[in-house]
Amino acid sequence: MAARRKDSTRRSAVVDLIVDRRHYDEVVTRALSSARVSVWVATANVKDVRVEAPIGSVARARGRYVSLLEHFRDLVLRGVEIRFLHARKPSEAFRDTLRRLKLLKTPSFEMRECPRAHLKLFVVDGRYLYVGSANFTGAGLGAKGEGRRNFEMGIATEDDVLLDQAQLRFDRIWTGAECGGCRLRSVCPKPLDGR
């Protein structure tokens, strides 16, 4: 048996395993709905995720689904800052919904593209962290029906150290601190370091 190397990032933490449909129930419905200060999203692929309309609404009574971006708009109107880091151009439906909701015209909602961003995470209020395989798509986040959603897995935690490390990594990409040594800079639509 090989000896384990000491690593300063290794530690014990309480985590919750999130599998398949639980992405929708736990990450989308519970965690995102509880946001009061900020939501940070990192994903490679971005689509217009459709979710059940809010409880008590006419749309819900009619069994309608709405864009998750409508929920993000409501969060922004309540003062929540949203940062959205993605690897490639969002789907046309996502862009259409952004335009319709005028989300890109508010300083509290910002999207940045980095071709190397393949991490998938959600950080809510600096107190909840999801890290896993799920992209920001209906199939990834469990919003599709049985037999249509992806097989996904991740972990959720409220561990302070893991939250700090994940937010630091996100922020280094977000601010362009990783751009200097990037070998994909020539294909980057807009390097995040501003150079």
N, C-alpha and C. Protein backbone atom coordinates (compact mmCIF):
# COMPACT_ATOMS: atom_id res chain seq x y z
N MET A 1 0.84 -1.18 0.00
CA MET A 1 0.00 0.00 0.00
C MET A 1 0.89 1.24 0.00
N ALA A 2 0.62 2.17 -0.90
CA ALA A 2 1.42 3.39 -1.02
C ALA A 2 1.12 4.34 0.14
N ALA A 3 2.16 5.03 0.58
CA ALA A 3 2.00 6.01 1.66
C ALA A 3 1.28 7.25 1.11
N ARG A 4 0.42 7.81 1.94
CA ARG A 4 -0.30 9.03 1.53
C ARG A 4 0.56 10.24 1.81
N ARG A 5 0.58 11.14 0.85
CA ARG A 5 1.32 12.39 0.98
C ARG A 5 0.52 13.36 1.83
N LYS A 6 1.20 14.07 2.71
CA LYS A 6 0.54 15.11 3.50
C LYS A 6 0.18 16.25 2.57
N ASP A 7 -1.03 16.71 2.64
CA ASP A 7 -1.50 17.79 1.78
C ASP A 7 -2.26 18.77 2.65
N SER A 8 -1.90 20.04 2.56
CA SER A 8 -2.53 21.04 3.42
C SER A 8 -4.01 21.25 3.10
N THR A 9 -4.47 20.78 1.94
CA THR A 9 -5.88 20.94 1.61
C THR A 9 -6.72 19.75 2.08
N ARG A 10 -6.08 18.70 2.57
CA ARG A 10 -6.82 17.54 3.08
C ARG A 10 -7.33 17.85 4.48
N ARG A 11 -8.59 17.56 4.69
CA ARG A 11 -9.17 17.74 6.01
C ARG A 11 -10.49 17.00 6.08
N SER A 12 -11.01 16.85 7.25
CA SER A 12 -12.32 16.24 7.43
C SER A 12 -13.37 17.33 7.39
N ALA A 13 -14.48 17.04 6.73
CA ALA A 13 -15.58 18.01 6.66
C ALA A 13 -16.88 17.25 6.50
N VAL A 14 -17.95 17.84 6.95
CA VAL A 14 -19.27 17.26 6.77
C VAL A 14 -19.77 17.66 5.39
N VAL A 15 -20.12 16.67 4.57
CA VAL A 15 -20.62 16.92 3.23
C VAL A 15 -21.88 16.09 3.00
N ASP A 16 -22.68 16.54 2.08
CA ASP A 16 -23.90 15.84 1.70
C ASP A 16 -23.74 15.42 0.25
N LEU A 17 -23.96 14.16 -0.06
CA LEU A 17 -23.86 13.67 -1.42
C LEU A 17 -25.14 14.03 -2.18
N ILE A 18 -24.97 14.70 -3.31
CA ILE A 18 -26.09 15.13 -4.15
C ILE A 18 -26.05 14.30 -5.43
N VAL A 19 -27.10 13.54 -5.70
CA VAL A 19 -27.14 12.67 -6.86
C VAL A 19 -28.41 12.95 -7.67
N ASP A 20 -28.23 13.07 -8.98
CA ASP A 20 -29.32 13.16 -9.94
C ASP A 20 -30.40 14.19 -9.55
N ARG A 21 -31.64 13.76 -9.32
CA ARG A 21 -32.78 14.66 -9.06
C ARG A 21 -32.54 15.56 -7.85
N ARG A 22 -31.73 15.12 -6.88
CA ARG A 22 -31.46 15.94 -5.69
C ARG A 22 -30.78 17.25 -6.05
N HIS A 23 -30.16 17.34 -7.23
CA HIS A 23 -29.60 18.62 -7.66
C HIS A 23 -30.71 19.67 -7.73
N TYR A 24 -31.84 19.25 -8.26
CA TYR A 24 -32.98 20.17 -8.38
C TYR A 24 -33.54 20.51 -7.00
N ASP A 25 -33.77 19.50 -6.19
CA ASP A 25 -34.38 19.72 -4.88
C ASP A 25 -33.46 20.48 -3.93
N GLU A 26 -32.20 20.10 -3.89
CA GLU A 26 -31.27 20.68 -2.92
C GLU A 26 -30.62 21.97 -3.42
N VAL A 27 -30.00 21.93 -4.58
CA VAL A 27 -29.23 23.08 -5.06
C VAL A 27 -30.16 24.17 -5.61
N VAL A 28 -31.03 23.80 -6.54
CA VAL A 28 -31.89 24.79 -7.19
C VAL A 28 -32.98 25.29 -6.25
N THR A 29 -33.77 24.37 -5.71
CA THR A 29 -34.93 24.78 -4.93
C THR A 29 -34.56 25.30 -3.55
N ARG A 30 -33.76 24.56 -2.80
CA ARG A 30 -33.47 24.97 -1.43
C ARG A 30 -32.36 26.02 -1.34
N ALA A 31 -31.18 25.73 -1.85
CA ALA A 31 -30.03 26.61 -1.65
C ALA A 31 -30.19 27.95 -2.38
N LEU A 32 -30.49 27.90 -3.68
CA LEU A 32 -30.61 29.16 -4.43
C LEU A 32 -31.76 30.02 -3.89
N SER A 33 -32.83 29.39 -3.47
CA SER A 33 -33.97 30.14 -2.94
C SER A 33 -33.65 30.84 -1.63
N SER A 34 -32.66 30.35 -0.92
CA SER A 34 -32.32 30.94 0.38
C SER A 34 -31.34 32.11 0.26
N ALA A 35 -30.87 32.43 -0.93
CA ALA A 35 -29.85 33.48 -1.11
C ALA A 35 -30.34 34.83 -0.61
N ARG A 36 -29.49 35.50 0.15
CA ARG A 36 -29.78 36.83 0.66
C ARG A 36 -28.73 37.86 0.27
N VAL A 37 -27.51 37.40 -0.03
CA VAL A 37 -26.40 38.31 -0.31
C VAL A 37 -25.80 38.07 -1.69
N SER A 38 -25.43 36.82 -1.99
CA SER A 38 -24.73 36.54 -3.24
C SER A 38 -24.93 35.11 -3.71
N VAL A 39 -24.83 34.94 -5.02
CA VAL A 39 -24.82 33.62 -5.65
C VAL A 39 -23.70 33.64 -6.68
N TRP A 40 -22.78 32.68 -6.55
CA TRP A 40 -21.72 32.52 -7.54
C TRP A 40 -21.96 31.18 -8.23
N VAL A 41 -21.95 31.21 -9.56
CA VAL A 41 -22.17 30.00 -10.35
C VAL A 41 -20.97 29.84 -11.28
N ALA A 42 -20.44 28.63 -11.36
CA ALA A 42 -19.41 28.31 -12.35
C ALA A 42 -19.87 27.07 -13.09
N THR A 43 -19.76 27.10 -14.41
CA THR A 43 -20.23 26.02 -15.25
C THR A 43 -19.53 26.06 -16.59
N ALA A 44 -19.45 24.93 -17.25
CA ALA A 44 -18.89 24.91 -18.60
C ALA A 44 -19.99 25.23 -19.61
N ASN A 45 -21.13 24.58 -19.45
CA ASN A 45 -22.23 24.68 -20.40
C ASN A 45 -23.39 25.45 -19.76
N VAL A 46 -24.04 26.33 -20.53
CA VAL A 46 -25.12 27.15 -20.00
C VAL A 46 -26.35 27.06 -20.89
N LYS A 47 -27.45 26.61 -20.30
CA LYS A 47 -28.73 26.58 -21.02
C LYS A 47 -29.80 27.24 -20.16
N ASP A 48 -30.93 27.51 -20.78
CA ASP A 48 -32.04 28.14 -20.07
C ASP A 48 -32.78 27.08 -19.27
N VAL A 49 -32.44 26.95 -18.01
CA VAL A 49 -33.02 25.93 -17.14
C VAL A 49 -34.46 26.33 -16.79
N ARG A 50 -35.39 25.41 -17.01
CA ARG A 50 -36.80 25.65 -16.70
C ARG A 50 -37.13 24.94 -15.39
N VAL A 51 -37.78 25.67 -14.48
CA VAL A 51 -38.12 25.14 -13.16
C VAL A 51 -39.61 25.38 -12.90
N GLU A 52 -40.12 24.68 -11.91
CA GLU A 52 -41.52 24.87 -11.53
C GLU A 52 -41.75 26.32 -11.13
N ALA A 53 -42.88 26.86 -11.52
CA ALA A 53 -43.24 28.23 -11.14
C ALA A 53 -43.36 28.30 -9.62
N PRO A 54 -43.21 29.49 -9.04
CA PRO A 54 -43.27 29.63 -7.58
C PRO A 54 -44.60 29.13 -7.00
N ILE A 55 -44.51 28.55 -5.82
CA ILE A 55 -45.70 28.07 -5.11
C ILE A 55 -46.63 29.26 -4.86
N GLY A 56 -47.91 29.04 -5.11
CA GLY A 56 -48.90 30.10 -4.90
C GLY A 56 -49.16 30.96 -6.12
N SER A 57 -48.36 30.78 -7.17
CA SER A 57 -48.57 31.58 -8.38
C SER A 57 -49.58 30.91 -9.31
N VAL A 58 -50.20 31.71 -10.18
CA VAL A 58 -51.13 31.19 -11.17
C VAL A 58 -50.40 30.21 -12.09
N ALA A 59 -49.16 30.56 -12.45
CA ALA A 59 -48.38 29.69 -13.33
C ALA A 59 -48.19 28.32 -12.68
N ARG A 60 -47.95 28.28 -11.39
CA ARG A 60 -47.76 27.00 -10.68
C ARG A 60 -49.06 26.20 -10.70
N ALA A 61 -50.18 26.88 -10.46
CA ALA A 61 -51.48 26.20 -10.47
C ALA A 61 -51.77 25.59 -11.83
N ARG A 62 -51.25 26.21 -12.88
CA ARG A 62 -51.45 25.71 -14.24
C ARG A 62 -50.37 24.71 -14.65
N GLY A 63 -49.46 24.38 -13.73
CA GLY A 63 -48.41 23.41 -14.03
C GLY A 63 -47.33 23.95 -14.95
N ARG A 64 -47.13 25.25 -14.94
CA ARG A 64 -46.16 25.87 -15.83
C ARG A 64 -44.76 25.86 -15.23
N TYR A 65 -43.81 25.92 -16.14
CA TYR A 65 -42.41 26.04 -15.77
C TYR A 65 -41.90 27.38 -16.25
N VAL A 66 -40.97 27.97 -15.50
CA VAL A 66 -40.41 29.27 -15.84
C VAL A 66 -38.90 29.16 -15.87
N SER A 67 -38.26 30.12 -16.49
CA SER A 67 -36.80 30.12 -16.54
C SER A 67 -36.24 30.37 -15.15
N LEU A 68 -35.19 29.65 -14.80
CA LEU A 68 -34.49 29.89 -13.53
C LEU A 68 -33.96 31.32 -13.49
N LEU A 69 -33.74 31.90 -14.67
CA LEU A 69 -33.29 33.30 -14.72
C LEU A 69 -34.34 34.26 -14.15
N GLU A 70 -35.62 33.88 -14.20
CA GLU A 70 -36.65 34.71 -13.58
C GLU A 70 -36.46 34.73 -12.07
N HIS A 71 -36.06 33.59 -11.51
CA HIS A 71 -35.75 33.54 -10.08
C HIS A 71 -34.52 34.40 -9.79
N PHE A 72 -33.52 34.34 -10.66
CA PHE A 72 -32.33 35.17 -10.49
C PHE A 72 -32.70 36.66 -10.54
N ARG A 73 -33.61 37.01 -11.45
CA ARG A 73 -34.05 38.41 -11.53
C ARG A 73 -34.68 38.83 -10.20
N ASP A 74 -35.52 37.97 -9.63
CA ASP A 74 -36.15 38.28 -8.35
C ASP A 74 -35.10 38.44 -7.25
N LEU A 75 -34.07 37.59 -7.28
CA LEU A 75 -32.98 37.72 -6.30
C LEU A 75 -32.27 39.06 -6.48
N VAL A 76 -31.97 39.43 -7.71
CA VAL A 76 -31.30 40.71 -7.99
C VAL A 76 -32.16 41.87 -7.48
N LEU A 77 -33.46 41.81 -7.71
CA LEU A 77 -34.36 42.87 -7.23
C LEU A 77 -34.36 42.97 -5.71
N ARG A 78 -34.02 41.86 -5.03
CA ARG A 78 -33.92 41.87 -3.56
C ARG A 78 -32.51 42.23 -3.09
N GLY A 79 -31.62 42.58 -4.04
CA GLY A 79 -30.28 43.02 -3.66
C GLY A 79 -29.22 41.94 -3.66
N VAL A 80 -29.51 40.77 -4.18
CA VAL A 80 -28.53 39.68 -4.23
C VAL A 80 -27.61 39.89 -5.44
N GLU A 81 -26.30 39.80 -5.20
CA GLU A 81 -25.31 39.90 -6.28
C GLU A 81 -25.12 38.51 -6.89
N ILE A 82 -25.17 38.45 -8.24
CA ILE A 82 -24.99 37.17 -8.92
C ILE A 82 -23.81 37.26 -9.87
N ARG A 83 -22.86 36.32 -9.70
CA ARG A 83 -21.71 36.19 -10.59
C ARG A 83 -21.84 34.86 -11.31
N PHE A 84 -21.70 34.90 -12.63
CA PHE A 84 -21.93 33.72 -13.45
C PHE A 84 -20.71 33.51 -14.34
N LEU A 85 -19.88 32.52 -14.03
CA LEU A 85 -18.66 32.20 -14.78
C LEU A 85 -18.94 31.00 -15.66
N HIS A 86 -18.66 31.12 -16.95
CA HIS A 86 -18.98 30.02 -17.87
C HIS A 86 -17.89 29.88 -18.93
N ALA A 87 -17.85 28.72 -19.58
CA ALA A 87 -16.78 28.41 -20.53
C ALA A 87 -17.10 28.77 -21.97
N ARG A 88 -18.35 28.68 -22.35
CA ARG A 88 -18.68 28.97 -23.75
C ARG A 88 -20.01 29.72 -23.83
N LYS A 89 -20.26 30.20 -24.99
CA LYS A 89 -21.46 31.00 -25.24
C LYS A 89 -22.71 30.26 -24.76
N PRO A 90 -23.57 30.93 -23.98
CA PRO A 90 -24.82 30.30 -23.53
C PRO A 90 -25.75 29.99 -24.70
N SER A 91 -26.71 29.11 -24.47
CA SER A 91 -27.68 28.76 -25.50
C SER A 91 -28.47 29.99 -25.94
N GLU A 92 -29.03 29.92 -27.12
CA GLU A 92 -29.83 31.03 -27.64
C GLU A 92 -31.02 31.32 -26.73
N ALA A 93 -31.67 30.27 -26.23
CA ALA A 93 -32.81 30.47 -25.33
C ALA A 93 -32.39 31.21 -24.06
N PHE A 94 -31.23 30.87 -23.51
CA PHE A 94 -30.72 31.55 -22.32
C PHE A 94 -30.49 33.03 -22.64
N ARG A 95 -29.84 33.31 -23.78
CA ARG A 95 -29.56 34.70 -24.16
C ARG A 95 -30.85 35.47 -24.40
N ASP A 96 -31.85 34.83 -25.02
CA ASP A 96 -33.15 35.48 -25.24
C ASP A 96 -33.81 35.85 -23.91
N THR A 97 -33.76 34.94 -22.95
CA THR A 97 -34.36 35.21 -21.64
C THR A 97 -33.60 36.32 -20.93
N LEU A 98 -32.27 36.32 -21.02
CA LEU A 98 -31.47 37.41 -20.44
C LEU A 98 -31.91 38.76 -20.99
N ARG A 99 -32.07 38.82 -22.33
CA ARG A 99 -32.48 40.08 -22.97
C ARG A 99 -33.88 40.49 -22.51
N ARG A 100 -34.79 39.53 -22.48
CA ARG A 100 -36.17 39.83 -22.09
C ARG A 100 -36.24 40.34 -20.65
N LEU A 101 -35.47 39.75 -19.77
CA LEU A 101 -35.49 40.15 -18.36
C LEU A 101 -34.59 41.34 -18.07
N LYS A 102 -33.80 41.75 -19.07
CA LYS A 102 -32.86 42.88 -18.92
C LYS A 102 -31.87 42.66 -17.77
N LEU A 103 -31.54 41.40 -17.53
CA LEU A 103 -30.63 41.08 -16.42
C LEU A 103 -29.22 41.63 -16.65
N LEU A 104 -28.78 41.64 -17.90
CA LEU A 104 -27.42 42.10 -18.16
C LEU A 104 -27.26 43.60 -17.97
N LYS A 105 -28.35 44.31 -17.82
CA LYS A 105 -28.28 45.77 -17.64
C LYS A 105 -28.24 46.17 -16.18
N THR A 106 -28.20 45.21 -15.30
CA THR A 106 -28.13 45.52 -13.87
C THR A 106 -26.73 45.19 -13.35
N PRO A 107 -26.16 46.07 -12.53
CA PRO A 107 -24.81 45.80 -12.01
C PRO A 107 -24.74 44.63 -11.05
N SER A 108 -25.86 44.17 -10.56
CA SER A 108 -25.86 43.05 -9.60
C SER A 108 -25.83 41.68 -10.27
N PHE A 109 -25.93 41.64 -11.61
CA PHE A 109 -25.87 40.38 -12.34
C PHE A 109 -24.76 40.49 -13.37
N GLU A 110 -23.73 39.68 -13.22
CA GLU A 110 -22.61 39.77 -14.15
C GLU A 110 -22.21 38.39 -14.63
N MET A 111 -21.92 38.30 -15.92
CA MET A 111 -21.45 37.05 -16.52
C MET A 111 -20.06 37.29 -17.09
N ARG A 112 -19.19 36.31 -16.91
CA ARG A 112 -17.86 36.35 -17.51
C ARG A 112 -17.56 35.00 -18.13
N GLU A 113 -16.92 35.05 -19.29
CA GLU A 113 -16.60 33.84 -20.03
C GLU A 113 -15.11 33.54 -19.97
N CYS A 114 -14.78 32.29 -19.67
CA CYS A 114 -13.40 31.81 -19.67
C CYS A 114 -13.42 30.43 -20.31
N PRO A 115 -12.78 30.27 -21.48
CA PRO A 115 -12.81 28.98 -22.18
C PRO A 115 -12.29 27.81 -21.36
N ARG A 116 -11.50 28.08 -20.33
CA ARG A 116 -10.95 27.01 -19.51
C ARG A 116 -11.79 26.70 -18.27
N ALA A 117 -12.85 27.44 -18.06
CA ALA A 117 -13.70 27.22 -16.87
C ALA A 117 -14.51 25.95 -17.05
N HIS A 118 -14.06 24.90 -16.44
CA HIS A 118 -14.77 23.64 -16.53
C HIS A 118 -15.31 23.23 -15.16
N LEU A 119 -15.00 24.01 -14.13
CA LEU A 119 -15.49 23.69 -12.80
C LEU A 119 -16.99 23.95 -12.73
N LYS A 120 -17.65 23.17 -11.90
CA LYS A 120 -19.08 23.35 -11.68
C LYS A 120 -19.28 23.57 -10.20
N LEU A 121 -19.74 24.76 -9.86
CA LEU A 121 -19.98 25.04 -8.45
C LEU A 121 -21.06 26.09 -8.29
N PHE A 122 -21.67 26.06 -7.12
CA PHE A 122 -22.60 27.09 -6.68
C PHE A 122 -22.16 27.48 -5.28
N VAL A 123 -22.03 28.77 -5.05
CA VAL A 123 -21.75 29.28 -3.71
C VAL A 123 -22.87 30.26 -3.39
N VAL A 124 -23.56 30.02 -2.29
CA VAL A 124 -24.67 30.87 -1.89
C VAL A 124 -24.32 31.56 -0.57
N ASP A 125 -24.29 32.88 -0.61
CA ASP A 125 -24.04 33.73 0.57
C ASP A 125 -22.74 33.41 1.29
N GLY A 126 -21.79 32.79 0.60
CA GLY A 126 -20.52 32.44 1.24
C GLY A 126 -20.68 31.43 2.37
N ARG A 127 -21.84 30.74 2.40
CA ARG A 127 -22.09 29.77 3.48
C ARG A 127 -22.50 28.40 2.98
N TYR A 128 -22.83 28.27 1.70
CA TYR A 128 -23.24 27.00 1.12
C TYR A 128 -22.43 26.77 -0.14
N LEU A 129 -21.89 25.57 -0.29
CA LEU A 129 -21.07 25.23 -1.45
C LEU A 129 -21.55 23.92 -2.05
N TYR A 130 -21.78 23.95 -3.37
CA TYR A 130 -21.99 22.72 -4.13
C TYR A 130 -20.83 22.64 -5.11
N VAL A 131 -20.17 21.49 -5.17
CA VAL A 131 -19.14 21.21 -6.16
C VAL A 131 -19.46 19.84 -6.73
N GLY A 132 -19.51 19.73 -8.05
CA GLY A 132 -19.83 18.44 -8.64
C GLY A 132 -19.74 18.44 -10.13
N SER A 133 -20.51 17.57 -10.75
CA SER A 133 -20.43 17.38 -12.20
C SER A 133 -21.48 18.17 -12.97
N ALA A 134 -22.48 18.73 -12.30
CA ALA A 134 -23.63 19.31 -12.97
C ALA A 134 -23.36 20.67 -13.61
N ASN A 135 -23.56 20.75 -14.92
CA ASN A 135 -23.55 22.03 -15.62
C ASN A 135 -24.86 22.76 -15.37
N PHE A 136 -24.89 24.04 -15.75
CA PHE A 136 -26.11 24.85 -15.62
C PHE A 136 -27.02 24.56 -16.79
N THR A 137 -27.61 23.36 -16.77
CA THR A 137 -28.55 22.92 -17.78
C THR A 137 -29.68 22.19 -17.06
N GLY A 138 -30.82 22.07 -17.70
CA GLY A 138 -31.94 21.35 -17.10
C GLY A 138 -31.60 19.91 -16.83
N ALA A 139 -30.94 19.25 -17.78
CA ALA A 139 -30.57 17.84 -17.61
C ALA A 139 -29.53 17.69 -16.50
N GLY A 140 -28.62 18.66 -16.38
CA GLY A 140 -27.59 18.60 -15.36
C GLY A 140 -28.12 18.85 -13.96
N LEU A 141 -29.02 19.84 -13.84
CA LEU A 141 -29.53 20.22 -12.53
C LEU A 141 -30.79 19.47 -12.12
N GLY A 142 -31.09 18.39 -12.82
CA GLY A 142 -32.20 17.53 -12.42
C GLY A 142 -33.58 18.09 -12.71
N ALA A 143 -33.65 19.13 -13.54
CA ALA A 143 -34.94 19.76 -13.83
C ALA A 143 -35.71 19.03 -14.94
N LYS A 144 -35.08 18.11 -15.60
CA LYS A 144 -35.77 17.33 -16.63
C LYS A 144 -36.51 16.16 -15.97
N GLY A 145 -37.44 15.60 -16.71
CA GLY A 145 -38.22 14.47 -16.20
C GLY A 145 -37.40 13.19 -16.09
N GLU A 146 -37.96 12.24 -15.39
CA GLU A 146 -37.32 10.93 -15.22
C GLU A 146 -36.95 10.36 -16.58
N GLY A 147 -35.75 9.85 -16.71
CA GLY A 147 -35.28 9.29 -17.98
C GLY A 147 -34.71 10.32 -18.93
N ARG A 148 -34.80 11.62 -18.57
CA ARG A 148 -34.27 12.67 -19.44
C ARG A 148 -33.14 13.47 -18.78
N ARG A 149 -32.96 13.29 -17.47
CA ARG A 149 -31.90 14.05 -16.80
C ARG A 149 -30.60 13.26 -16.84
N ASN A 150 -29.51 13.98 -16.70
CA ASN A 150 -28.18 13.36 -16.70
C ASN A 150 -27.95 12.61 -15.39
N PHE A 151 -27.00 11.69 -15.43
CA PHE A 151 -26.50 11.07 -14.22
C PHE A 151 -25.44 12.01 -13.67
N GLU A 152 -25.72 12.65 -12.57
CA GLU A 152 -24.82 13.66 -12.00
C GLU A 152 -24.55 13.34 -10.55
N MET A 153 -23.41 13.85 -10.06
CA MET A 153 -23.06 13.65 -8.66
C MET A 153 -22.19 14.80 -8.19
N GLY A 154 -22.40 15.20 -6.96
CA GLY A 154 -21.59 16.25 -6.37
C GLY A 154 -21.73 16.22 -4.86
N ILE A 155 -21.09 17.17 -4.22
CA ILE A 155 -21.21 17.28 -2.77
C ILE A 155 -21.62 18.70 -2.42
N ALA A 156 -22.34 18.82 -1.32
CA ALA A 156 -22.71 20.12 -0.78
C ALA A 156 -22.20 20.19 0.65
N THR A 157 -21.77 21.39 1.05
CA THR A 157 -21.24 21.55 2.40
C THR A 157 -21.40 23.00 2.84
N GLU A 158 -21.32 23.19 4.13
CA GLU A 158 -21.27 24.52 4.72
C GLU A 158 -19.95 24.71 5.45
N ASP A 159 -18.97 23.88 5.14
CA ASP A 159 -17.66 23.92 5.78
C ASP A 159 -16.91 25.20 5.40
N ASP A 160 -16.50 25.97 6.40
CA ASP A 160 -15.85 27.26 6.17
C ASP A 160 -14.57 27.16 5.34
N VAL A 161 -13.74 26.18 5.63
CA VAL A 161 -12.45 26.06 4.93
C VAL A 161 -12.68 25.70 3.46
N LEU A 162 -13.55 24.73 3.21
CA LEU A 162 -13.85 24.37 1.82
C LEU A 162 -14.48 25.55 1.07
N LEU A 163 -15.37 26.26 1.74
CA LEU A 163 -15.97 27.45 1.12
C LEU A 163 -14.90 28.48 0.77
N ASP A 164 -13.99 28.73 1.71
CA ASP A 164 -12.91 29.70 1.44
C ASP A 164 -12.06 29.28 0.26
N GLN A 165 -11.68 28.01 0.20
CA GLN A 165 -10.83 27.53 -0.89
C GLN A 165 -11.56 27.60 -2.24
N ALA A 166 -12.83 27.21 -2.27
CA ALA A 166 -13.60 27.25 -3.51
C ALA A 166 -13.81 28.68 -3.98
N GLN A 167 -14.13 29.58 -3.05
CA GLN A 167 -14.34 30.98 -3.42
C GLN A 167 -13.05 31.64 -3.89
N LEU A 168 -11.94 31.28 -3.28
CA LEU A 168 -10.65 31.81 -3.72
C LEU A 168 -10.34 31.37 -5.15
N ARG A 169 -10.58 30.10 -5.44
CA ARG A 169 -10.34 29.58 -6.80
C ARG A 169 -11.24 30.29 -7.80
N PHE A 170 -12.53 30.38 -7.50
CA PHE A 170 -13.47 31.08 -8.37
C PHE A 170 -13.01 32.52 -8.60
N ASP A 171 -12.66 33.20 -7.52
CA ASP A 171 -12.28 34.61 -7.61
C ASP A 171 -11.01 34.82 -8.43
N ARG A 172 -10.04 33.91 -8.34
CA ARG A 172 -8.82 34.03 -9.14
C ARG A 172 -9.15 33.95 -10.63
N ILE A 173 -10.07 33.09 -11.00
CA ILE A 173 -10.48 33.01 -12.41
C ILE A 173 -11.29 34.26 -12.77
N TRP A 174 -12.25 34.61 -11.94
CA TRP A 174 -13.15 35.75 -12.17
C TRP A 174 -12.39 37.06 -12.39
N THR A 175 -11.35 37.28 -11.60
CA THR A 175 -10.61 38.54 -11.68
C THR A 175 -9.49 38.52 -12.72
N GLY A 176 -9.26 37.37 -13.36
CA GLY A 176 -8.22 37.29 -14.38
C GLY A 176 -6.85 36.96 -13.86
N ALA A 177 -6.75 36.58 -12.59
CA ALA A 177 -5.44 36.24 -12.02
C ALA A 177 -4.83 35.01 -12.67
N GLU A 178 -5.63 34.19 -13.33
CA GLU A 178 -5.13 32.98 -14.00
C GLU A 178 -4.82 33.22 -15.48
N CYS A 179 -5.13 34.40 -16.00
CA CYS A 179 -5.00 34.66 -17.43
C CYS A 179 -3.55 34.70 -17.93
N GLY A 180 -2.64 35.18 -17.10
CA GLY A 180 -1.26 35.37 -17.53
C GLY A 180 -0.61 34.13 -18.12
N GLY A 181 -0.80 32.98 -17.52
CA GLY A 181 -0.17 31.76 -17.99
C GLY A 181 -1.07 30.89 -18.86
N CYS A 182 -2.22 31.40 -19.24
CA CYS A 182 -3.17 30.58 -19.99
C CYS A 182 -2.75 30.43 -21.44
N ARG A 183 -2.72 29.20 -21.91
CA ARG A 183 -2.34 28.94 -23.30
C ARG A 183 -3.52 28.99 -24.26
N LEU A 184 -4.71 29.27 -23.74
CA LEU A 184 -5.88 29.45 -24.61
C LEU A 184 -6.21 30.93 -24.81
N ARG A 185 -5.33 31.79 -24.38
CA ARG A 185 -5.57 33.23 -24.46
C ARG A 185 -5.90 33.67 -25.88
N SER A 186 -5.29 33.06 -26.88
CA SER A 186 -5.52 33.46 -28.27
C SER A 186 -6.95 33.19 -28.73
N VAL A 187 -7.65 32.27 -28.08
CA VAL A 187 -9.03 31.97 -28.46
C VAL A 187 -10.03 32.54 -27.45
N CYS A 188 -9.54 33.23 -26.44
CA CYS A 188 -10.40 33.79 -25.42
C CYS A 188 -11.15 35.00 -25.99
N PRO A 189 -12.48 35.04 -25.85
CA PRO A 189 -13.24 36.16 -26.40
C PRO A 189 -12.91 37.49 -25.75
N LYS A 190 -12.58 37.46 -24.45
CA LYS A 190 -12.26 38.69 -23.73
C LYS A 190 -11.51 38.30 -22.46
N PRO A 191 -10.18 38.28 -22.52
CA PRO A 191 -9.41 37.87 -21.33
C PRO A 191 -9.85 38.65 -20.08
N LEU A 192 -10.01 37.93 -18.99
CA LEU A 192 -10.56 38.52 -17.78
C LEU A 192 -9.59 39.45 -17.06
N ASP A 193 -8.31 39.40 -17.44
CA ASP A 193 -7.35 40.33 -16.84
C ASP A 193 -7.35 41.68 -17.54
N GLY A 194 -8.17 41.81 -18.58
CA GLY A 194 -8.31 43.10 -19.27
C GLY A 194 -7.18 43.46 -20.20
N ARG A 195 -6.22 42.57 -20.42
CA ARG A 195 -5.10 42.87 -21.33
C ARG A 195 -5.34 42.31 -22.69
